[in-house]
Amino acid sequence: MCRHNPPCPTAEAPDRDAAKVTFHDGILGWSRLCNGVVIFEDTGELLPNGEIVPPRRTLAGVGS
């Protein structure tokens, strides 16, 4: 998907979050990267193949 030079990391790469943002929805709290990954403000991810990556951090004050 990426047409940048050098190309952004693929959706399968460990550093996939380093890809450039192609769309951001600040109201709903998500961004789409040029490698097809959708990242959420809580650090969760949705990969192009439908795989869900759970958040890597918790939101402060939630469940306390």
PDB file of N, CA and C in Angstrom:
ATOM      1  N   MET A   1       0.806  -1.194   0.000  1.00  0.00           N
ATOM      2  CA  MET A   1       0.000   0.000   0.000  1.00  0.00           C
ATOM      3  C   MET A   1       0.856   1.268   0.000  1.00  0.00           C
ATOM      4  N   CYS A   2       1.986   1.227   0.662  1.00  0.00           N
ATOM      5  CA  CYS A   2       2.795   2.424   0.859  1.00  0.00           C
ATOM      6  C   CYS A   2       3.522   2.820  -0.421  1.00  0.00           C
ATOM      7  N   ARG A   3       3.466   4.101  -0.712  1.00  0.00           N
ATOM      8  CA  ARG A   3       4.176   4.622  -1.883  1.00  0.00           C
ATOM      9  C   ARG A   3       5.271   5.595  -1.469  1.00  0.00           C
ATOM     10  N   HIS A   4       5.616   5.608  -0.181  1.00  0.00           N
ATOM     11  CA  HIS A   4       6.662   6.492   0.306  1.00  0.00           C
ATOM     12  C   HIS A   4       8.024   5.887   0.025  1.00  0.00           C
ATOM     13  N   ASN A   5       9.039   6.750   0.019  1.00  0.00           N
ATOM     14  CA  ASN A   5      10.398   6.273  -0.153  1.00  0.00           C
ATOM     15  C   ASN A   5      11.236   6.890   0.944  1.00  0.00           C
ATOM     16  N   PRO A   6      11.767   6.141   1.870  1.00  0.00           N
ATOM     17  CA  PRO A   6      11.692   4.693   1.994  1.00  0.00           C
ATOM     18  C   PRO A   6      10.284   4.265   2.408  1.00  0.00           C
ATOM     19  N   PRO A   7       9.913   3.041   2.054  1.00  0.00           N
ATOM     20  CA  PRO A   7       8.554   2.573   2.369  1.00  0.00           C
ATOM     21  C   PRO A   7       8.320   2.418   3.868  1.00  0.00           C
ATOM     22  N   CYS A   8       7.083   2.613   4.249  1.00  0.00           N
ATOM     23  CA  CYS A   8       6.686   2.418   5.649  1.00  0.00           C
ATOM     24  C   CYS A   8       6.710   0.929   5.984  1.00  0.00           C
ATOM     25  N   PRO A   9       6.801   0.602   7.275  1.00  0.00           N
ATOM     26  CA  PRO A   9       6.763  -0.810   7.675  1.00  0.00           C
ATOM     27  C   PRO A   9       5.434  -1.456   7.263  1.00  0.00           C
ATOM     28  N   THR A  10       5.468  -2.718   6.946  1.00  0.00           N
ATOM     29  CA  THR A  10       4.255  -3.432   6.570  1.00  0.00           C
ATOM     30  C   THR A  10       3.390  -3.660   7.807  1.00  0.00           C
ATOM     31  N   ALA A  11       2.164  -4.091   7.583  1.00  0.00           N
ATOM     32  CA  ALA A  11       1.237  -4.364   8.685  1.00  0.00           C
ATOM     33  C   ALA A  11       1.711  -5.540   9.534  1.00  0.00           C
ATOM     34  N   GLU A  12       2.570  -6.392   8.995  1.00  0.00           N
ATOM     35  CA  GLU A  12       3.078  -7.554   9.720  1.00  0.00           C
ATOM     36  C   GLU A  12       4.352  -7.239  10.499  1.00  0.00           C
ATOM     37  N   ALA A  13       4.965  -6.105  10.238  1.00  0.00           N
ATOM     38  CA  ALA A  13       6.239  -5.752  10.870  1.00  0.00           C
ATOM     39  C   ALA A  13       6.048  -5.366  12.338  1.00  0.00           C
ATOM     40  N   PRO A  14       7.035  -5.637  13.179  1.00  0.00           N
ATOM     41  CA  PRO A  14       6.917  -5.272  14.595  1.00  0.00           C
ATOM     42  C   PRO A  14       6.771  -3.761  14.817  1.00  0.00           C
ATOM     43  N   ASP A  15       7.324  -2.958  13.905  1.00  0.00           N
ATOM     44  CA  ASP A  15       7.259  -1.500  14.024  1.00  0.00           C
ATOM     45  C   ASP A  15       6.171  -0.891  13.140  1.00  0.00           C
ATOM     46  N   ARG A  16       5.090  -1.650  12.893  1.00  0.00           N
ATOM     47  CA  ARG A  16       4.020  -1.220  11.990  1.00  0.00           C
ATOM     48  C   ARG A  16       3.401   0.124  12.360  1.00  0.00           C
ATOM     49  N   ASP A  17       3.457   0.506  13.645  1.00  0.00           N
ATOM     50  CA  ASP A  17       2.879   1.772  14.088  1.00  0.00           C
ATOM     51  C   ASP A  17       3.668   2.978  13.584  1.00  0.00           C
ATOM     52  N   ALA A  18       4.857   2.755  13.036  1.00  0.00           N
ATOM     53  CA  ALA A  18       5.687   3.852  12.523  1.00  0.00           C
ATOM     54  C   ALA A  18       5.249   4.304  11.132  1.00  0.00           C
ATOM     55  N   ALA A  19       4.287   3.624  10.526  1.00  0.00           N
ATOM     56  CA  ALA A  19       3.800   4.013   9.202  1.00  0.00           C
ATOM     57  C   ALA A  19       3.099   5.371   9.279  1.00  0.00           C
ATOM     58  N   LYS A  20       3.043   6.062   8.157  1.00  0.00           N
ATOM     59  CA  LYS A  20       2.432   7.395   8.103  1.00  0.00           C
ATOM     60  C   LYS A  20       0.913   7.320   8.201  1.00  0.00           C
ATOM     61  N   VAL A  21       0.343   8.297   8.876  1.00  0.00           N
ATOM     62  CA  VAL A  21      -1.116   8.400   9.011  1.00  0.00           C
ATOM     63  C   VAL A  21      -1.697   8.909   7.693  1.00  0.00           C
ATOM     64  N   THR A  22      -2.715   8.203   7.182  1.00  0.00           N
ATOM     65  CA  THR A  22      -3.393   8.646   5.963  1.00  0.00           C
ATOM     66  C   THR A  22      -4.752   9.257   6.261  1.00  0.00           C
ATOM     67  N   PHE A  23      -5.314   8.922   7.431  1.00  0.00           N
ATOM     68  CA  PHE A  23      -6.596   9.489   7.851  1.00  0.00           C
ATOM     69  C   PHE A  23      -6.662   9.451   9.364  1.00  0.00           C
ATOM     70  N   HIS A  24      -7.175  10.531   9.943  1.00  0.00           N
ATOM     71  CA  HIS A  24      -7.302  10.603  11.406  1.00  0.00           C
ATOM     72  C   HIS A  24      -8.691  11.106  11.758  1.00  0.00           C
ATOM     73  N   ASP A  25      -9.355  10.422  12.665  1.00  0.00           N
ATOM     74  CA  ASP A  25     -10.648  10.870  13.172  1.00  0.00           C
ATOM     75  C   ASP A  25     -10.480  11.142  14.660  1.00  0.00           C
ATOM     76  N   GLY A  26     -10.214  12.398  14.990  1.00  0.00           N
ATOM     77  CA  GLY A  26      -9.978  12.782  16.374  1.00  0.00           C
ATOM     78  C   GLY A  26     -11.208  12.646  17.253  1.00  0.00           C
ATOM     79  N   ILE A  27     -12.384  12.762  16.677  1.00  0.00           N
ATOM     80  CA  ILE A  27     -13.611  12.644  17.464  1.00  0.00           C
ATOM     81  C   ILE A  27     -13.819  11.200  17.912  1.00  0.00           C
ATOM     82  N   LEU A  28     -13.628  10.261  17.012  1.00  0.00           N
ATOM     83  CA  LEU A  28     -13.819   8.845  17.348  1.00  0.00           C
ATOM     84  C   LEU A  28     -12.554   8.193  17.894  1.00  0.00           C
ATOM     85  N   GLY A  29     -11.410   8.846  17.752  1.00  0.00           N
ATOM     86  CA  GLY A  29     -10.181   8.360  18.365  1.00  0.00           C
ATOM     87  C   GLY A  29      -9.458   7.261  17.624  1.00  0.00           C
ATOM     88  N   TRP A  30      -9.407   7.333  16.299  1.00  0.00           N
ATOM     89  CA  TRP A  30      -8.670   6.323  15.553  1.00  0.00           C
ATOM     90  C   TRP A  30      -7.979   6.961  14.358  1.00  0.00           C
ATOM     91  N   SER A  31      -6.961   6.276  13.857  1.00  0.00           N
ATOM     92  CA  SER A  31      -6.224   6.715  12.671  1.00  0.00           C
ATOM     93  C   SER A  31      -5.959   5.510  11.788  1.00  0.00           C
ATOM     94  N   ARG A  32      -5.961   5.744  10.476  1.00  0.00           N
ATOM     95  CA  ARG A  32      -5.587   4.686   9.524  1.00  0.00           C
ATOM     96  C   ARG A  32      -4.188   5.013   9.017  1.00  0.00           C
ATOM     97  N   LEU A  33      -3.331   4.002   9.015  1.00  0.00           N
ATOM     98  CA  LEU A  33      -1.965   4.161   8.535  1.00  0.00           C
ATOM     99  C   LEU A  33      -1.855   3.714   7.084  1.00  0.00           C
ATOM    100  N   CYS A  34      -0.803   4.135   6.401  1.00  0.00           N
ATOM    101  CA  CYS A  34      -0.672   3.794   4.978  1.00  0.00           C
ATOM    102  C   CYS A  34      -0.456   2.307   4.745  1.00  0.00           C
ATOM    103  N   ASN A  35      -0.136   1.546   5.791  1.00  0.00           N
ATOM    104  CA  ASN A  35       0.016   0.095   5.639  1.00  0.00           C
ATOM    105  C   ASN A  35      -1.298  -0.648   5.906  1.00  0.00           C
ATOM    106  N   GLY A  36      -2.392   0.114   6.101  1.00  0.00           N
ATOM    107  CA  GLY A  36      -3.705  -0.491   6.276  1.00  0.00           C
ATOM    108  C   GLY A  36      -4.096  -0.751   7.721  1.00  0.00           C
ATOM    109  N   VAL A  37      -3.200  -0.506   8.660  1.00  0.00           N
ATOM    110  CA  VAL A  37      -3.486  -0.704  10.081  1.00  0.00           C
ATOM    111  C   VAL A  37      -4.346   0.448  10.586  1.00  0.00           C
ATOM    112  N   VAL A  38      -5.331   0.129  11.414  1.00  0.00           N
ATOM    113  CA  VAL A  38      -6.126   1.150  12.100  1.00  0.00           C
ATOM    114  C   VAL A  38      -5.684   1.122  13.559  1.00  0.00           C
ATOM    115  N   ILE A  39      -5.231   2.278  14.053  1.00  0.00           N
ATOM    116  CA  ILE A  39      -4.806   2.361  15.449  1.00  0.00           C
ATOM    117  C   ILE A  39      -5.806   3.214  16.214  1.00  0.00           C
ATOM    118  N   PHE A  40      -5.999   2.863  17.468  1.00  0.00           N
ATOM    119  CA  PHE A  40      -6.959   3.555  18.324  1.00  0.00           C
ATOM    120  C   PHE A  40      -6.217   4.289  19.437  1.00  0.00           C
ATOM    121  N   GLU A  41      -6.855   5.296  20.011  1.00  0.00           N
ATOM    122  CA  GLU A  41      -6.229   6.092  21.066  1.00  0.00           C
ATOM    123  C   GLU A  41      -5.786   5.251  22.259  1.00  0.00           C
ATOM    124  N   ASP A  42      -6.476   4.153  22.526  1.00  0.00           N
ATOM    125  CA  ASP A  42      -6.093   3.305  23.659  1.00  0.00           C
ATOM    126  C   ASP A  42      -4.945   2.358  23.305  1.00  0.00           C
ATOM    127  N   THR A  43      -4.332   2.521  22.127  1.00  0.00           N
ATOM    128  CA  THR A  43      -3.217   1.745  21.575  1.00  0.00           C
ATOM    129  C   THR A  43      -3.631   0.387  21.036  1.00  0.00           C
ATOM    130  N   GLY A  44      -4.913   0.089  20.984  1.00  0.00           N
ATOM    131  CA  GLY A  44      -5.368  -1.120  20.311  1.00  0.00           C
ATOM    132  C   GLY A  44      -5.223  -0.932  18.807  1.00  0.00           C
ATOM    133  N   GLU A  45      -5.231  -2.032  18.079  1.00  0.00           N
ATOM    134  CA  GLU A  45      -5.057  -1.975  16.625  1.00  0.00           C
ATOM    135  C   GLU A  45      -5.986  -2.970  15.930  1.00  0.00           C
ATOM    136  N   LEU A  46      -6.328  -2.641  14.716  1.00  0.00           N
ATOM    137  CA  LEU A  46      -7.046  -3.548  13.824  1.00  0.00           C
ATOM    138  C   LEU A  46      -6.182  -3.693  12.586  1.00  0.00           C
ATOM    139  N   LEU A  47      -5.717  -4.914  12.333  1.00  0.00           N
ATOM    140  CA  LEU A  47      -4.844  -5.171  11.189  1.00  0.00           C
ATOM    141  C   LEU A  47      -5.672  -5.407   9.932  1.00  0.00           C
ATOM    142  N   PRO A  48      -5.087  -5.209   8.758  1.00  0.00           N
ATOM    143  CA  PRO A  48      -5.832  -5.381   7.504  1.00  0.00           C
ATOM    144  C   PRO A  48      -6.448  -6.766   7.329  1.00  0.00           C
ATOM    145  N   ASN A  49      -5.863  -7.793   7.960  1.00  0.00           N
ATOM    146  CA  ASN A  49      -6.400  -9.147   7.819  1.00  0.00           C
ATOM    147  C   ASN A  49      -7.540  -9.426   8.799  1.00  0.00           C
ATOM    148  N   GLY A  50      -7.944  -8.393   9.592  1.00  0.00           N
ATOM    149  CA  GLY A  50      -9.030  -8.544  10.548  1.00  0.00           C
ATOM    150  C   GLY A  50      -8.580  -8.898  11.951  1.00  0.00           C
ATOM    151  N   GLU A  51      -7.287  -9.146  12.129  1.00  0.00           N
ATOM    152  CA  GLU A  51      -6.768  -9.487  13.455  1.00  0.00           C
ATOM    153  C   GLU A  51      -6.868  -8.270  14.374  1.00  0.00           C
ATOM    154  N   ILE A  52      -7.269  -8.511  15.611  1.00  0.00           N
ATOM    155  CA  ILE A  52      -7.376  -7.456  16.617  1.00  0.00           C
ATOM    156  C   ILE A  52      -6.178  -7.552  17.542  1.00  0.00           C
ATOM    157  N   VAL A  53      -5.494  -6.426  17.734  1.00  0.00           N
ATOM    158  CA  VAL A  53      -4.376  -6.355  18.668  1.00  0.00           C
ATOM    159  C   VAL A  53      -4.873  -5.559  19.871  1.00  0.00           C
ATOM    160  N   PRO A  54      -4.913  -6.189  21.053  1.00  0.00           N
ATOM    161  CA  PRO A  54      -5.439  -5.485  22.231  1.00  0.00           C
ATOM    162  C   PRO A  54      -4.546  -4.310  22.633  1.00  0.00           C
ATOM    163  N   PRO A  55      -5.105  -3.358  23.355  1.00  0.00           N
ATOM    164  CA  PRO A  55      -4.310  -2.213  23.819  1.00  0.00           C
ATOM    165  C   PRO A  55      -3.112  -2.657  24.644  1.00  0.00           C
ATOM    166  N   ARG A  56      -2.014  -1.914  24.500  1.00  0.00           N
ATOM    167  CA  ARG A  56      -0.796  -2.205  25.255  1.00  0.00           C
ATOM    168  C   ARG A  56      -0.706  -1.390  26.538  1.00  0.00           C
ATOM    169  N   ARG A  57      -1.634  -0.474  26.718  1.00  0.00           N
ATOM    170  CA  ARG A  57      -1.647   0.308  27.961  1.00  0.00           C
ATOM    171  C   ARG A  57      -3.097   0.431  28.418  1.00  0.00           C
ATOM    172  N   THR A  58      -3.263   0.712  29.673  1.00  0.00           N
ATOM    173  CA  THR A  58      -4.605   0.918  30.203  1.00  0.00           C
ATOM    174  C   THR A  58      -4.889   2.407  30.319  1.00  0.00           C
ATOM    175  N   LEU A  59      -6.147   2.774  30.291  1.00  0.00           N
ATOM    176  CA  LEU A  59      -6.536   4.161  30.456  1.00  0.00           C
ATOM    177  C   LEU A  59      -6.518   4.516  31.942  1.00  0.00           C
ATOM    178  N   ALA A  60      -5.929   5.640  32.279  1.00  0.00           N
ATOM    179  CA  ALA A  60      -5.836   6.073  33.674  1.00  0.00           C
ATOM    180  C   ALA A  60      -7.223   6.258  34.265  1.00  0.00           C
ATOM    181  N   GLY A  61      -7.428   5.720  35.431  1.00  0.00           N
ATOM    182  CA  GLY A  61      -8.692   5.897  36.149  1.00  0.00           C
ATOM    183  C   GLY A  61      -9.782   4.910  35.784  1.00  0.00           C
ATOM    184  N   VAL A  62      -9.596   4.124  34.752  1.00  0.00           N
ATOM    185  CA  VAL A  62     -10.613   3.152  34.360  1.00  0.00           C
ATOM    186  C   VAL A  62     -10.451   1.907  35.221  1.00  0.00           C
ATOM    187  N   GLY A  63     -11.520   1.517  35.882  1.00  0.00           N
ATOM    188  CA  GLY A  63     -11.498   0.316  36.695  1.00  0.00           C
ATOM    189  C   GLY A  63     -10.798   0.465  38.029  1.00  0.00           C
ATOM    190  N   SER A  64     -10.457   1.704  38.420  1.00  0.00           N
ATOM    191  CA  SER A  64      -9.765   1.905  39.698  1.00  0.00           C
ATOM    192  C   SER A  64     -10.752   2.047  40.832  1.00  0.00           C
TER     193      SER A  64
END
